[in-house]
Each structure stands twice: as structure tokens, then as C-alpha cells.
Amino acid sequence: MIFTGDDIRLYRLHVLRAALELEIKGLKRSRGPTAYSIAKSEFGFRGNRQKVLDQLTQYTKEQVEQREPQHA
């Protein structure tokens, strides 16, 4: 499967959400900023890791719902 255009942006949101879930469970990235700090800085989310994950999950769902009618 090849991702192009908006699909890349949506895929990145899913990966960021998955990385944040792993951070909550205790796993950390070896280099660079955490998924938590990326989500907070790029989207302006506030709160602890769980609250940011909830906000990111909701945002991702909204973006996917907006995208789906175009694929139909």
C-alpha cells in the first residue's frame, strides 16, 4: 500500500498516537523529542500524558471521519 497526500498526514497521526500509548506504558524513544512533547507542541494539547492521548485520539478520529467521504 502506498500512502500519498493526506494519507501521509493521517498515517503520521496514527503512529504518533501509538508511540504515545507506548510511552504511557513505560517505553521511551531512544533519541529526539517524546511523542508527548510532539503532540503538545504541534496541536496545542494540554495535560498529562493520558489526557493528551485522549485529545490526540479524538483529533485523529475527527480527521479520519472528514477524510472518509472523499474515498467513497
N, C-alpha and C. Protein backbone atom coordinates (compact mmCIF):
# COMPACT_ATOMS: atom_id res chain seq x y z
N MET A 1 0.84 -1.18 0.00
CA MET A 1 0.00 0.00 0.00
C MET A 1 0.89 1.23 0.00
N ILE A 2 0.55 2.20 -0.82
CA ILE A 2 1.31 3.43 -0.91
C ILE A 2 0.48 4.56 -0.32
N PHE A 3 1.12 5.33 0.55
CA PHE A 3 0.45 6.46 1.17
C PHE A 3 0.90 7.74 0.47
N THR A 4 -0.06 8.57 0.10
CA THR A 4 0.25 9.84 -0.55
C THR A 4 -0.66 10.93 0.00
N GLY A 5 -0.26 12.16 -0.19
CA GLY A 5 -1.10 13.31 0.17
C GLY A 5 -1.55 13.29 1.61
N ASP A 6 -2.86 13.45 1.82
CA ASP A 6 -3.43 13.48 3.16
C ASP A 6 -3.26 12.15 3.90
N ASP A 7 -3.12 11.07 3.15
CA ASP A 7 -2.93 9.77 3.80
C ASP A 7 -1.67 9.75 4.64
N ILE A 8 -0.62 10.45 4.19
CA ILE A 8 0.62 10.51 4.95
C ILE A 8 0.37 11.20 6.28
N ARG A 9 -0.37 12.29 6.25
CA ARG A 9 -0.67 13.04 7.47
C ARG A 9 -1.47 12.19 8.45
N LEU A 10 -2.47 11.46 7.94
CA LEU A 10 -3.28 10.60 8.80
C LEU A 10 -2.47 9.44 9.36
N TYR A 11 -1.61 8.86 8.53
CA TYR A 11 -0.75 7.77 8.99
C TYR A 11 0.17 8.26 10.11
N ARG A 12 0.71 9.46 9.95
CA ARG A 12 1.58 10.04 10.97
C ARG A 12 0.83 10.23 12.28
N LEU A 13 -0.43 10.65 12.22
CA LEU A 13 -1.24 10.80 13.43
C LEU A 13 -1.39 9.46 14.15
N HIS A 14 -1.65 8.41 13.38
CA HIS A 14 -1.80 7.08 13.98
C HIS A 14 -0.50 6.61 14.62
N VAL A 15 0.62 6.86 13.96
CA VAL A 15 1.92 6.47 14.51
C VAL A 15 2.22 7.26 15.78
N LEU A 16 1.93 8.55 15.77
CA LEU A 16 2.16 9.39 16.94
C LEU A 16 1.31 8.92 18.12
N ARG A 17 0.06 8.56 17.84
CA ARG A 17 -0.83 8.06 18.89
C ARG A 17 -0.30 6.74 19.46
N ALA A 18 0.15 5.85 18.59
CA ALA A 18 0.69 4.57 19.04
C ALA A 18 1.96 4.78 19.87
N ALA A 19 2.81 5.71 19.46
CA ALA A 19 4.03 6.00 20.21
C ALA A 19 3.70 6.56 21.59
N LEU A 20 2.69 7.40 21.67
CA LEU A 20 2.28 7.96 22.97
C LEU A 20 1.72 6.86 23.87
N GLU A 21 0.97 5.93 23.31
CA GLU A 21 0.47 4.80 24.10
C GLU A 21 1.63 4.00 24.68
N LEU A 22 2.67 3.79 23.90
CA LEU A 22 3.83 3.05 24.39
C LEU A 22 4.57 3.84 25.47
N GLU A 23 4.65 5.15 25.31
CA GLU A 23 5.28 5.98 26.34
C GLU A 23 4.53 5.88 27.66
N ILE A 24 3.22 5.83 27.59
CA ILE A 24 2.42 5.71 28.80
C ILE A 24 2.71 4.38 29.50
N LYS A 25 2.97 3.34 28.70
CA LYS A 25 3.26 2.02 29.27
C LYS A 25 4.70 1.91 29.77
N GLY A 26 5.52 2.94 29.49
CA GLY A 26 6.88 2.95 30.02
C GLY A 26 7.99 2.87 28.99
N LEU A 27 7.67 2.66 27.73
CA LEU A 27 8.71 2.61 26.70
C LEU A 27 9.04 4.02 26.24
N LYS A 28 10.30 4.26 25.94
CA LYS A 28 10.74 5.58 25.51
C LYS A 28 11.47 5.49 24.19
N ARG A 29 11.40 6.58 23.42
CA ARG A 29 12.20 6.68 22.20
C ARG A 29 13.66 6.87 22.61
N SER A 30 14.57 6.39 21.81
CA SER A 30 15.98 6.50 22.17
C SER A 30 16.55 7.87 21.86
N ARG A 31 15.99 8.56 20.88
CA ARG A 31 16.50 9.88 20.51
C ARG A 31 15.35 10.82 20.19
N GLY A 32 15.65 12.08 20.25
CA GLY A 32 14.69 13.09 19.83
C GLY A 32 13.60 13.32 20.86
N PRO A 33 12.67 14.17 20.49
CA PRO A 33 11.59 14.52 21.42
C PRO A 33 10.62 13.36 21.61
N THR A 34 9.93 13.36 22.73
CA THR A 34 8.94 12.32 23.01
C THR A 34 7.68 12.57 22.19
N ALA A 35 6.89 11.54 22.02
CA ALA A 35 5.61 11.68 21.32
C ALA A 35 4.72 12.66 22.09
N TYR A 36 4.83 12.63 23.40
CA TYR A 36 4.07 13.54 24.26
C TYR A 36 4.41 14.99 23.94
N SER A 37 5.69 15.32 23.85
CA SER A 37 6.08 16.70 23.57
C SER A 37 5.73 17.10 22.14
N ILE A 38 5.81 16.18 21.20
CA ILE A 38 5.43 16.48 19.82
C ILE A 38 3.95 16.81 19.74
N ALA A 39 3.11 15.98 20.37
CA ALA A 39 1.66 16.21 20.34
C ALA A 39 1.31 17.53 21.00
N LYS A 40 1.95 17.84 22.10
CA LYS A 40 1.66 19.10 22.79
C LYS A 40 2.07 20.31 21.96
N SER A 41 3.23 20.25 21.34
CA SER A 41 3.71 21.42 20.60
C SER A 41 3.00 21.59 19.26
N GLU A 42 2.73 20.50 18.55
CA GLU A 42 2.11 20.62 17.22
C GLU A 42 0.61 20.91 17.28
N PHE A 43 -0.06 20.38 18.28
CA PHE A 43 -1.51 20.50 18.32
C PHE A 43 -2.02 21.36 19.47
N GLY A 44 -1.13 21.78 20.34
CA GLY A 44 -1.53 22.64 21.45
C GLY A 44 -2.30 21.93 22.54
N PHE A 45 -2.17 20.61 22.62
CA PHE A 45 -2.87 19.86 23.67
C PHE A 45 -2.24 20.16 25.02
N ARG A 46 -3.05 20.05 26.06
CA ARG A 46 -2.57 20.32 27.41
C ARG A 46 -2.96 19.17 28.32
N GLY A 47 -2.17 18.99 29.38
CA GLY A 47 -2.49 17.97 30.36
C GLY A 47 -1.40 16.93 30.47
N ASN A 48 -1.69 15.90 31.26
CA ASN A 48 -0.73 14.81 31.43
C ASN A 48 -0.76 13.90 30.20
N ARG A 49 0.06 12.87 30.21
CA ARG A 49 0.17 12.01 29.02
C ARG A 49 -1.17 11.37 28.65
N GLN A 50 -1.91 10.91 29.63
CA GLN A 50 -3.19 10.26 29.34
C GLN A 50 -4.18 11.24 28.73
N LYS A 51 -4.24 12.45 29.26
CA LYS A 51 -5.16 13.45 28.72
C LYS A 51 -4.77 13.86 27.31
N VAL A 52 -3.47 13.99 27.06
CA VAL A 52 -3.00 14.31 25.71
C VAL A 52 -3.33 13.17 24.76
N LEU A 53 -3.18 11.92 25.21
CA LEU A 53 -3.54 10.77 24.38
C LEU A 53 -5.03 10.81 24.04
N ASP A 54 -5.87 11.10 25.02
CA ASP A 54 -7.32 11.18 24.77
C ASP A 54 -7.63 12.26 23.74
N GLN A 55 -6.98 13.42 23.87
CA GLN A 55 -7.21 14.51 22.92
C GLN A 55 -6.71 14.14 21.53
N LEU A 56 -5.55 13.49 21.46
CA LEU A 56 -4.98 13.08 20.18
C LEU A 56 -5.86 12.02 19.52
N THR A 57 -6.39 11.09 20.30
CA THR A 57 -7.28 10.06 19.77
C THR A 57 -8.54 10.69 19.19
N GLN A 58 -9.13 11.64 19.90
CA GLN A 58 -10.32 12.33 19.41
C GLN A 58 -10.02 13.10 18.13
N TYR A 59 -8.89 13.80 18.12
CA TYR A 59 -8.49 14.57 16.94
C TYR A 59 -8.29 13.65 15.74
N THR A 60 -7.64 12.51 15.98
CA THR A 60 -7.40 11.55 14.90
C THR A 60 -8.72 11.03 14.34
N LYS A 61 -9.66 10.68 15.21
CA LYS A 61 -10.97 10.20 14.76
C LYS A 61 -11.67 11.25 13.91
N GLU A 62 -11.62 12.50 14.34
CA GLU A 62 -12.25 13.58 13.58
C GLU A 62 -11.62 13.73 12.20
N GLN A 63 -10.30 13.63 12.13
CA GLN A 63 -9.61 13.76 10.85
C GLN A 63 -9.96 12.61 9.91
N VAL A 64 -10.05 11.40 10.45
CA VAL A 64 -10.40 10.23 9.64
C VAL A 64 -11.84 10.36 9.13
N GLU A 65 -12.76 10.80 10.00
CA GLU A 65 -14.15 10.96 9.59
C GLU A 65 -14.29 12.01 8.49
N GLN A 66 -13.51 13.06 8.55
CA GLN A 66 -13.54 14.08 7.50
C GLN A 66 -12.99 13.54 6.19
N ARG A 67 -12.04 12.64 6.28
CA ARG A 67 -11.37 12.11 5.09
C ARG A 67 -12.19 11.02 4.40
N GLU A 68 -12.93 10.20 5.16
CA GLU A 68 -13.63 9.05 4.60
C GLU A 68 -14.58 9.36 3.45
N PRO A 69 -15.41 10.41 3.50
CA PRO A 69 -16.32 10.65 2.37
C PRO A 69 -15.60 10.87 1.05
N GLN A 70 -14.37 11.35 1.07
CA GLN A 70 -13.65 11.58 -0.17
C GLN A 70 -13.18 10.29 -0.80
N HIS A 71 -12.96 9.24 0.01
CA HIS A 71 -12.53 7.95 -0.51
C HIS A 71 -13.69 7.12 -1.05
N ALA A 72 -14.90 7.45 -0.67
CA ALA A 72 -16.06 6.63 -1.05
C ALA A 72 -16.40 6.74 -2.51
